[in-house]
Amino acid sequence: MGLKEGKFAYKTLKSHDHEERENEKKAGSIDEEEAHNEASRLILDSRTSTWQAVANMTSFVQGVGTLALPYAVFKGGVATIIGFPLFALVHWYTGKVMINCIYEVDCAEVTEHETIVRHDKTQIAAKRKSRVRDKYSELGKVLWPRYGGMFLDALQSLDLLILGVSYFISCGSLMAHALPKAGLTEAMWASIIAAVVLPSTFVKDLAWVAWQSLLSIASLTTMVSVMIWYTVTHYSTINPTDVLFWDTEGALVALGLVISSYCLYSILIPVEESLEDPSKFGSALAISLSFAAIFKTLFSLCGFLSFSHATDEVIGNNVQLGAPRTIVSVVYVIYVIFSYTLVIYPVFHSIDGSLLASTVTSFIPIFIWSATTRFLVVFITLFIAVVVPHFALLIAFVGSLALPFLEYIVPCLVHLKLKWRELKPLQVVADGTIVIMGVLATVFGAYCSGKALIIEMTK
């Protein structure tokens, strides 16, 4: 029998019941048509279109530390500007690598009932991509079977909680400076925003979150438009050569901010899983990161050139009191309200899927568990925001300490281990280079940003 190549067909892990049914099928107890219908029911229940995936990823990647980006240019100068497109490319590569590692490729004989493109009705050999992992933490089990998953879960939750903290810090700082006559402190404003955000944390459907993402993107577009307008109207004070400097220690602090601004690893697997057509994930990721690189470069340059060496950790605080400053502050708060859930979503996903959750919900109603965990997560992020109110430096430290490991080192090491025999020499070199880059970024970036944070906290 001649064998022909078919296209990739995505499928999910088989349940125990399905395996028994397949064994029965081999024994002849289930006819071919019923087996086909059973396979169709096992196809992933897609919930989002490609544009919704782009919206979710664009909202997420744009919002992480947005207001600290001009400060990153203030610390790193031209190195920061070069870093925006460079790290967008690196994140696109590691994102595709990560998704590649949650699938295994196998060859299987298929018949005319299979939904695979072919030229005749004879049996053919088709390559299938079977989804064998559905959480980021499961990549850790590849490297460290016993504790790898728990370690990545803990590190990921810490990273995302700090991102939530940064949202409350920036909101509190902006509103306190924009509306000084209100008489509310930064901590009070942060508490108000936390109370407004809390109800949205009960959302569990990424398709619905996509609509929130569109609103948050509109908010960011308004914010950057105001910043560009402010820069243009104050062009007489701008000196383009201000950005042409090199500060090694400052560049390493900025490195953490740039890496944090592209933090996407935590939602890539849920977004890919929710796609109607998973094969379009790479394109959706490329579009999102392209938008991100353009936005970050434009916004950070405008912010820094407008205020030069007076650039604040929260750029909105530099804008003079009045309509522009109020617009930037209110629009950013709206962005946080609509995007906080997307940032924290993986934390809730991990908590709800834990052994503790299944144990506790066996004797209490699940809505009590959900309400309690969501309140605690929001409260913890608010508490840290009040205790450590240093927006940019906190992001830079966590970005340098955790993100290179989570976004670069783990995906590439897992890729090398799982796909070693399939990789081309150039792919091996790329993976190895990114791993080394991740180690260096962790060591030097965490040292410099941690040092700067300690100095600020002890003042």
Protein backbone atom coordinates (compact mmCIF):
# COMPACT_ATOMS: atom_id res chain seq x y z
CA MET A 1 0.00 0.00 0.00
CA GLY A 2 1.39 3.41 -0.96
CA LEU A 3 1.82 5.94 1.86
CA LYS A 4 1.19 9.64 1.41
CA GLU A 5 1.89 12.60 3.65
CA GLY A 6 -1.12 14.29 5.23
CA LYS A 7 -1.44 17.64 7.01
CA PHE A 8 -1.11 18.01 10.77
CA ALA A 9 -4.33 17.24 12.62
CA TYR A 10 -4.71 18.44 16.21
CA LYS A 11 -6.22 16.16 18.83
CA THR A 12 -6.49 16.06 22.61
CA LEU A 13 -5.31 13.51 25.12
CA LYS A 14 -7.47 10.41 25.17
CA SER A 15 -9.49 9.72 28.26
CA HIS A 16 -9.48 6.32 29.94
CA ASP A 17 -12.98 5.62 28.60
CA HIS A 18 -11.88 6.50 25.09
CA GLU A 19 -8.93 4.13 25.30
CA GLU A 20 -11.30 1.31 26.29
CA ARG A 21 -13.57 2.16 23.38
CA GLU A 22 -10.64 2.05 20.97
CA ASN A 23 -9.70 -1.37 22.28
CA GLU A 24 -13.25 -2.48 21.70
CA LYS A 25 -13.10 -1.01 18.24
CA LYS A 26 -10.05 -3.12 17.45
CA ALA A 27 -12.02 -6.14 18.65
CA GLY A 28 -14.79 -5.25 16.23
CA SER A 29 -17.49 -4.32 18.77
CA ILE A 30 -17.86 -0.71 17.61
CA ASP A 31 -18.34 0.12 13.97
CA GLU A 32 -16.24 2.63 12.05
CA GLU A 33 -18.85 5.37 11.95
CA GLU A 34 -19.36 5.40 15.71
CA ALA A 35 -15.59 5.52 16.25
CA HIS A 36 -15.43 8.55 13.97
CA ASN A 37 -18.18 10.32 15.92
CA GLU A 38 -16.37 9.56 19.18
CA ALA A 39 -13.16 11.06 17.81
CA SER A 40 -15.05 14.15 16.70
CA ARG A 41 -16.44 14.67 20.20
CA LEU A 42 -12.92 14.61 21.59
CA ILE A 43 -11.74 17.54 19.47
CA LEU A 44 -10.84 20.52 21.61
CA ASP A 45 -13.81 22.74 22.38
CA SER A 46 -12.48 25.95 20.85
CA ARG A 47 -13.80 29.15 22.26
CA THR A 48 -11.87 31.99 20.65
CA SER A 49 -11.14 33.13 17.13
CA THR A 50 -7.71 34.28 15.96
CA TRP A 51 -8.53 37.95 16.42
CA GLN A 52 -9.70 37.31 19.98
CA ALA A 53 -6.41 35.54 20.70
CA VAL A 54 -4.53 38.52 19.26
CA ALA A 55 -6.61 40.85 21.43
CA ASN A 56 -5.90 38.84 24.59
CA MET A 57 -2.15 38.63 23.96
CA THR A 58 -1.85 42.24 22.79
CA SER A 59 -3.67 43.51 25.86
CA PHE A 60 -1.53 41.37 28.16
CA VAL A 61 1.85 42.17 26.62
CA GLN A 62 1.13 45.89 26.28
CA GLY A 63 -0.02 46.44 29.80
CA VAL A 64 2.72 44.88 31.88
CA GLY A 65 4.75 47.79 33.22
CA THR A 66 3.66 50.18 30.45
CA LEU A 67 4.12 53.32 32.50
CA ALA A 68 7.66 52.26 33.50
CA LEU A 69 8.96 52.02 29.92
CA PRO A 70 10.11 55.67 29.62
CA TYR A 71 11.94 55.14 32.93
CA ALA A 72 13.64 52.11 31.32
CA VAL A 73 14.98 54.44 28.60
CA PHE A 74 16.07 56.87 31.32
CA LYS A 75 18.12 54.07 32.92
CA GLY A 76 19.37 52.26 29.81
CA GLY A 77 19.38 54.79 26.98
CA VAL A 78 19.96 53.42 23.51
CA ALA A 79 20.31 49.86 24.85
CA THR A 80 16.64 49.94 25.89
CA ILE A 81 15.52 51.08 22.43
CA ILE A 82 17.46 48.26 20.79
CA GLY A 83 16.00 45.83 23.32
CA PHE A 84 12.36 46.33 22.32
CA PRO A 85 12.48 44.71 18.83
CA LEU A 86 15.22 42.25 19.88
CA PHE A 87 13.25 40.80 22.80
CA ALA A 88 10.05 40.74 20.76
CA LEU A 89 11.83 38.37 18.36
CA VAL A 90 13.19 36.24 21.23
CA HIS A 91 9.76 35.97 22.83
CA TRP A 92 8.19 34.96 19.53
CA TYR A 93 10.73 32.15 19.20
CA THR A 94 10.41 30.91 22.78
CA GLY A 95 6.61 31.16 22.58
CA LYS A 96 6.53 28.89 19.55
CA VAL A 97 9.02 26.55 21.23
CA MET A 98 6.82 26.34 24.32
CA ILE A 99 3.73 25.43 22.32
CA ASN A 100 5.74 22.92 20.29
CA CYS A 101 6.73 21.19 23.53
CA ILE A 102 3.14 20.57 24.67
CA TYR A 103 2.54 18.39 21.61
CA GLU A 104 3.97 15.07 20.50
CA VAL A 105 3.98 14.00 16.86
CA ASP A 106 2.99 10.49 15.90
CA CYS A 107 2.06 8.70 12.69
CA ALA A 108 -1.29 6.92 12.44
CA GLU A 109 -3.24 5.28 9.68
CA VAL A 110 -6.45 7.10 8.85
CA THR A 111 -9.41 6.38 6.59
CA GLU A 112 -11.85 8.44 4.60
CA HIS A 113 -13.69 9.39 7.80
CA GLU A 114 -10.68 11.35 9.11
CA THR A 115 -10.72 15.10 8.50
CA ILE A 116 -7.34 15.22 6.77
CA VAL A 117 -6.71 16.60 3.32
CA ARG A 118 -5.73 13.87 0.81
CA HIS A 119 -6.06 12.96 -2.85
CA ASP A 120 -7.93 9.66 -2.63
CA LYS A 121 -9.87 7.45 -0.21
CA THR A 122 -7.15 4.91 0.44
CA GLN A 123 -5.54 4.63 3.82
CA ILE A 124 -2.64 7.05 4.33
CA ALA A 125 -0.05 7.79 6.97
CA ALA A 126 -0.81 11.14 8.62
CA LYS A 127 1.20 13.05 11.15
CA ARG A 128 -0.84 13.93 14.18
CA LYS A 129 0.03 16.43 16.89
CA SER A 130 -1.26 15.02 20.15
CA ARG A 131 -1.62 17.48 23.02
CA VAL A 132 0.08 15.79 25.96
CA ARG A 133 0.48 18.81 28.26
CA ASP A 134 -2.06 21.49 29.07
CA LYS A 135 -0.31 23.62 31.70
CA TYR A 136 2.94 25.55 31.76
CA SER A 137 4.02 23.82 34.97
CA GLU A 138 4.00 20.45 33.19
CA LEU A 139 7.09 21.59 31.27
CA GLY A 140 8.91 21.54 34.60
CA LYS A 141 8.14 17.85 35.00
CA VAL A 142 10.12 17.17 31.83
CA LEU A 143 13.26 18.56 33.49
CA TRP A 144 12.51 17.54 37.08
CA PRO A 145 9.77 14.87 37.19
CA ARG A 146 9.16 14.96 40.93
CA TYR A 147 9.19 18.63 41.87
CA GLY A 148 9.51 20.53 38.58
CA GLY A 149 5.80 21.17 38.22
CA MET A 150 5.37 22.50 41.75
CA PHE A 151 8.46 24.68 41.43
CA LEU A 152 7.27 26.32 38.19
CA ASP A 153 3.76 26.77 39.61
CA ALA A 154 5.17 28.60 42.63
CA LEU A 155 7.55 30.76 40.61
CA GLN A 156 4.87 31.60 38.04
CA SER A 157 2.35 32.55 40.72
CA LEU A 158 4.93 34.78 42.42
CA ASP A 159 5.71 36.53 39.14
CA LEU A 160 2.07 37.13 38.24
CA LEU A 161 1.20 38.31 41.74
CA ILE A 162 3.97 40.91 41.51
CA LEU A 163 2.57 42.04 38.15
CA GLY A 164 -0.78 42.50 39.87
CA VAL A 165 1.03 44.44 42.60
CA SER A 166 2.57 46.75 39.98
CA TYR A 167 -0.89 47.56 38.64
CA PHE A 168 -2.12 48.74 42.04
CA ILE A 169 1.09 50.70 42.73
CA SER A 170 0.88 52.57 39.42
CA CYS A 171 -2.86 53.26 39.77
CA GLY A 172 -2.47 54.57 43.30
CA SER A 173 0.45 56.80 42.35
CA LEU A 174 -1.27 58.19 39.25
CA MET A 175 -4.59 58.99 40.90
CA ALA A 176 -3.01 60.54 44.00
CA HIS A 177 -0.94 62.89 41.82
CA ALA A 178 -3.66 63.60 39.25
CA LEU A 179 -6.38 64.41 41.80
CA PRO A 180 -4.54 65.90 44.81
CA LYS A 181 -7.64 67.84 45.92
CA ALA A 182 -9.43 64.55 46.62
CA GLY A 183 -7.24 64.17 49.70
CA LEU A 184 -6.72 60.44 49.17
CA THR A 185 -3.34 58.76 49.59
CA GLU A 186 -1.80 56.33 47.10
CA ALA A 187 -2.77 53.42 49.36
CA MET A 188 -6.40 54.61 49.49
CA TRP A 189 -6.61 54.89 45.71
CA ALA A 190 -5.04 51.45 45.30
CA SER A 191 -7.65 50.02 47.70
CA ILE A 192 -10.48 51.57 45.70
CA ILE A 193 -9.14 50.10 42.45
CA ALA A 194 -8.76 46.68 44.11
CA ALA A 195 -12.41 46.77 45.22
CA VAL A 196 -13.53 47.65 41.68
CA VAL A 197 -11.36 44.91 40.15
CA LEU A 198 -12.46 42.11 42.50
CA PRO A 199 -15.76 41.18 40.75
CA SER A 200 -14.01 40.68 37.39
CA THR A 201 -11.75 37.98 38.88
CA PHE A 202 -14.67 35.53 38.79
CA VAL A 203 -14.55 35.42 34.98
CA LYS A 204 -13.45 31.98 33.71
CA ASP A 205 -14.09 32.23 29.96
CA LEU A 206 -11.21 33.60 27.88
CA ALA A 207 -13.63 34.47 25.06
CA TRP A 208 -15.40 36.88 27.41
CA VAL A 209 -12.07 38.19 28.69
CA ALA A 210 -11.21 39.02 25.06
CA TRP A 211 -13.89 41.71 25.05
CA GLN A 212 -12.32 43.20 28.15
CA SER A 213 -8.99 43.05 26.33
CA LEU A 214 -10.37 45.09 23.42
CA LEU A 215 -11.50 47.78 25.85
CA SER A 216 -8.11 47.77 27.54
CA ILE A 217 -6.36 48.09 24.16
CA ALA A 218 -8.57 51.09 23.37
CA SER A 219 -7.53 52.59 26.72
CA LEU A 220 -3.84 52.08 25.95
CA THR A 221 -4.27 53.61 22.49
CA THR A 222 -5.82 56.69 24.08
CA MET A 223 -3.00 56.89 26.60
CA VAL A 224 -0.20 56.70 24.04
CA SER A 225 -2.03 59.21 21.82
CA VAL A 226 -2.13 61.69 24.69
CA MET A 227 1.57 61.12 25.34
CA ILE A 228 2.44 61.68 21.66
CA TRP A 229 0.29 64.83 21.62
CA TYR A 230 2.07 66.11 24.72
CA THR A 231 5.47 65.43 23.15
CA VAL A 232 4.55 67.20 19.90
CA THR A 233 3.18 70.27 21.69
CA HIS A 234 6.38 70.51 23.77
CA TYR A 235 8.78 69.83 20.90
CA SER A 236 10.89 72.90 21.73
CA THR A 237 12.18 71.23 24.90
CA ILE A 238 13.07 67.94 23.20
CA ASN A 239 16.67 66.99 22.52
CA PRO A 240 16.89 63.68 20.57
CA THR A 241 20.54 63.21 21.56
CA ASP A 242 19.49 62.72 25.20
CA VAL A 243 18.79 59.06 24.45
CA LEU A 244 22.24 58.43 22.95
CA PHE A 245 24.09 57.36 26.08
CA TRP A 246 25.36 54.11 27.59
CA ASP A 247 25.15 53.16 31.26
CA THR A 248 25.98 49.47 31.86
CA GLU A 249 24.41 49.19 35.31
CA GLY A 250 21.39 51.23 34.25
CA ALA A 251 21.02 49.09 31.13
CA LEU A 252 20.85 45.95 33.28
CA VAL A 253 18.07 47.51 35.38
CA ALA A 254 16.28 48.47 32.14
CA LEU A 255 16.76 44.89 30.93
CA GLY A 256 14.43 43.63 33.66
CA LEU A 257 11.80 46.18 32.67
CA VAL A 258 11.99 45.26 28.98
CA ILE A 259 11.75 41.53 29.73
CA SER A 260 8.78 42.15 32.05
CA SER A 261 7.06 44.22 29.39
CA TYR A 262 7.00 41.15 27.12
CA CYS A 263 5.80 38.74 29.80
CA LEU A 264 3.53 36.38 27.86
CA TYR A 265 4.53 32.85 28.86
CA SER A 266 1.74 32.45 31.41
CA ILE A 267 -1.16 32.83 28.97
CA LEU A 268 0.29 31.26 25.80
CA ILE A 269 -0.93 27.73 26.54
CA PRO A 270 -4.48 28.76 27.60
CA VAL A 271 -4.76 31.06 24.56
CA GLU A 272 -3.51 28.40 22.14
CA GLU A 273 -5.83 25.84 23.70
CA SER A 274 -8.83 28.14 23.24
CA LEU A 275 -8.15 28.83 19.55
CA GLU A 276 -10.56 27.57 16.92
CA ASP A 277 -7.56 26.81 14.70
CA PRO A 278 -4.42 26.10 16.79
CA SER A 279 -2.23 26.16 13.66
CA LYS A 280 -2.70 29.96 13.54
CA PHE A 281 -1.15 30.48 16.95
CA GLY A 282 2.29 31.43 15.56
CA SER A 283 0.75 34.13 13.35
CA ALA A 284 -1.37 35.50 16.19
CA LEU A 285 1.68 35.67 18.45
CA ALA A 286 3.74 37.43 15.75
CA ILE A 287 1.03 40.05 15.22
CA SER A 288 0.72 40.69 18.96
CA LEU A 289 4.47 41.06 19.48
CA SER A 290 4.84 43.30 16.42
CA PHE A 291 2.20 45.66 17.80
CA ALA A 292 3.91 45.49 21.18
CA ALA A 293 7.37 46.39 19.82
CA ILE A 294 6.01 49.40 17.91
CA PHE A 295 3.93 50.59 20.84
CA LYS A 296 6.70 50.20 23.42
CA THR A 297 9.33 51.95 21.31
CA LEU A 298 7.05 54.87 20.46
CA PHE A 299 5.61 55.30 23.94
CA SER A 300 8.94 55.03 25.78
CA LEU A 301 10.73 57.42 23.41
CA CYS A 302 7.97 60.03 23.63
CA GLY A 303 7.85 59.76 27.40
CA PHE A 304 11.60 60.00 27.92
CA LEU A 305 12.27 62.75 25.36
CA SER A 306 9.51 64.88 26.86
CA PHE A 307 11.01 64.85 30.37
CA SER A 308 14.60 63.62 29.82
CA HIS A 309 16.46 63.08 33.11
CA ALA A 310 13.42 64.09 35.18
CA THR A 311 11.50 61.00 34.01
CA ASP A 312 9.53 59.44 36.88
CA GLU A 313 9.05 55.70 37.54
CA VAL A 314 5.37 56.27 36.64
CA ILE A 315 5.52 58.47 33.54
CA GLY A 316 2.03 59.88 34.05
CA ASN A 317 3.29 61.74 37.13
CA ASN A 318 5.53 63.89 34.91
CA VAL A 319 2.63 65.34 32.94
CA GLN A 320 1.52 68.76 34.19
CA LEU A 321 -1.70 68.95 36.16
CA GLY A 322 -4.66 69.44 33.88
CA ALA A 323 -6.63 67.59 31.23
CA PRO A 324 -3.73 65.53 29.72
CA ARG A 325 -2.62 64.21 33.09
CA THR A 326 -6.15 63.41 34.20
CA ILE A 327 -6.86 61.61 30.91
CA VAL A 328 -3.69 59.50 31.16
CA SER A 329 -4.43 58.59 34.78
CA VAL A 330 -8.11 57.73 34.30
CA VAL A 331 -7.47 55.82 31.06
CA TYR A 332 -4.74 53.73 32.68
CA VAL A 333 -6.99 52.93 35.62
CA ILE A 334 -9.66 51.78 33.14
CA TYR A 335 -7.03 49.62 31.48
CA VAL A 336 -6.11 48.00 34.81
CA ILE A 337 -9.75 47.32 35.65
CA PHE A 338 -10.24 45.49 32.35
CA SER A 339 -6.90 43.64 32.21
CA TYR A 340 -6.12 42.65 35.81
CA THR A 341 -8.12 39.44 35.45
CA LEU A 342 -6.16 38.40 32.35
CA VAL A 343 -2.87 38.91 34.21
CA ILE A 344 -3.96 36.90 37.26
CA TYR A 345 -5.98 34.31 35.29
CA PRO A 346 -3.21 31.64 35.32
CA VAL A 347 -2.92 31.95 39.11
CA PHE A 348 -6.62 31.23 39.57
CA HIS A 349 -6.37 28.43 36.98
CA SER A 350 -3.54 26.85 38.98
CA ILE A 351 -5.33 27.28 42.33
CA ASP A 352 -8.63 25.87 41.08
CA GLY A 353 -6.87 22.87 39.56
CA SER A 354 -4.78 22.05 42.64
CA LEU A 355 -5.16 19.06 44.94
CA LEU A 356 -6.09 21.44 47.77
CA ALA A 357 -9.01 22.78 45.72
CA SER A 358 -10.41 19.34 44.99
CA THR A 359 -10.06 18.38 48.66
CA VAL A 360 -11.70 21.52 50.05
CA THR A 361 -14.54 21.65 47.50
CA SER A 362 -15.50 18.09 48.43
CA PHE A 363 -17.08 19.40 51.64
CA ILE A 364 -17.82 23.11 50.92
CA PRO A 365 -19.66 24.72 47.97
CA ILE A 366 -17.36 25.62 45.10
CA PHE A 367 -18.55 29.25 45.02
CA ILE A 368 -17.27 29.73 48.59
CA TRP A 369 -13.87 28.39 47.51
CA SER A 370 -13.82 30.70 44.48
CA ALA A 371 -14.87 33.76 46.47
CA THR A 372 -12.29 33.11 49.20
CA THR A 373 -9.33 32.47 46.90
CA ARG A 374 -10.07 35.46 44.68
CA PHE A 375 -10.45 37.80 47.62
CA LEU A 376 -7.17 36.57 49.13
CA VAL A 377 -5.23 36.98 45.86
CA VAL A 378 -6.49 40.54 45.35
CA PHE A 379 -5.84 41.38 49.01
CA ILE A 380 -2.27 40.01 48.91
CA THR A 381 -1.40 42.01 45.78
CA LEU A 382 -2.90 45.13 47.35
CA PHE A 383 -0.98 44.61 50.61
CA ILE A 384 2.38 44.27 48.85
CA ALA A 385 1.59 47.36 46.73
CA VAL A 386 1.09 49.40 49.90
CA VAL A 387 4.25 48.06 51.60
CA VAL A 388 6.61 48.30 48.57
CA PRO A 389 5.45 51.33 46.53
CA HIS A 390 8.37 51.35 44.05
CA PHE A 391 6.76 50.59 40.70
CA ALA A 392 9.55 50.37 38.12
CA LEU A 393 12.27 48.95 40.37
CA LEU A 394 10.01 46.20 41.72
CA ILE A 395 9.09 45.16 38.17
CA ALA A 396 12.74 45.26 37.11
CA PHE A 397 13.86 43.09 40.04
CA VAL A 398 11.17 40.42 39.58
CA GLY A 399 11.62 40.61 35.81
CA SER A 400 15.33 39.87 36.14
CA LEU A 401 15.01 37.28 38.90
CA ALA A 402 12.19 35.08 37.57
CA LEU A 403 11.28 35.84 33.98
CA PRO A 404 14.49 34.83 32.17
CA PHE A 405 14.16 31.41 33.80
CA LEU A 406 10.44 31.09 33.05
CA GLU A 407 10.42 32.54 29.54
CA TYR A 408 13.82 31.58 28.12
CA ILE A 409 15.64 28.88 30.06
CA VAL A 410 12.78 26.43 30.73
CA PRO A 411 11.19 26.40 27.24
CA CYS A 412 14.52 26.04 25.47
CA LEU A 413 15.87 23.32 27.79
CA VAL A 414 12.62 21.36 27.45
CA HIS A 415 12.77 21.84 23.68
CA LEU A 416 16.31 20.48 23.56
CA LYS A 417 15.40 17.48 25.72
CA LEU A 418 12.17 16.52 23.96
CA LYS A 419 13.00 17.37 20.35
CA TRP A 420 16.76 16.78 20.22
CA ARG A 421 16.62 14.27 17.37
CA GLU A 422 14.33 16.47 15.28
CA LEU A 423 16.18 19.77 15.67
CA LYS A 424 18.37 21.32 13.00
CA PRO A 425 21.82 22.63 14.01
CA LEU A 426 20.60 26.24 13.81
CA GLN A 427 17.74 25.48 16.22
CA VAL A 428 20.15 23.87 18.68
CA VAL A 429 22.37 26.95 18.52
CA ALA A 430 19.36 29.25 19.01
CA ASP A 431 18.14 27.30 22.04
CA GLY A 432 21.60 27.19 23.59
CA THR A 433 22.20 30.91 23.01
CA ILE A 434 18.88 31.87 24.60
CA VAL A 435 19.58 29.66 27.63
CA ILE A 436 22.96 31.35 28.17
CA MET A 437 21.39 34.78 27.66
CA GLY A 438 18.72 33.90 30.24
CA VAL A 439 21.31 32.88 32.83
CA LEU A 440 23.32 36.09 32.35
CA ALA A 441 20.18 38.26 32.47
CA THR A 442 19.13 36.60 35.73
CA VAL A 443 22.48 37.00 37.49
CA PHE A 444 23.43 40.54 36.44
CA GLY A 445 19.94 41.96 36.07
CA ALA A 446 18.71 40.76 39.47
CA TYR A 447 21.87 42.08 41.16
CA CYS A 448 21.66 45.57 39.68
CA SER A 449 17.89 46.03 40.01
CA GLY A 450 17.87 44.52 43.52
CA LYS A 451 20.63 46.89 44.55
CA ALA A 452 18.69 49.89 43.19
CA LEU A 453 15.49 48.75 44.94
CA ILE A 454 17.24 48.36 48.30
CA ILE A 455 18.77 51.83 47.97
CA GLU A 456 15.34 53.37 47.29
CA MET A 457 13.65 51.51 50.15
CA THR A 458 16.31 52.52 52.69
CA LYS A 459 16.14 56.22 51.83
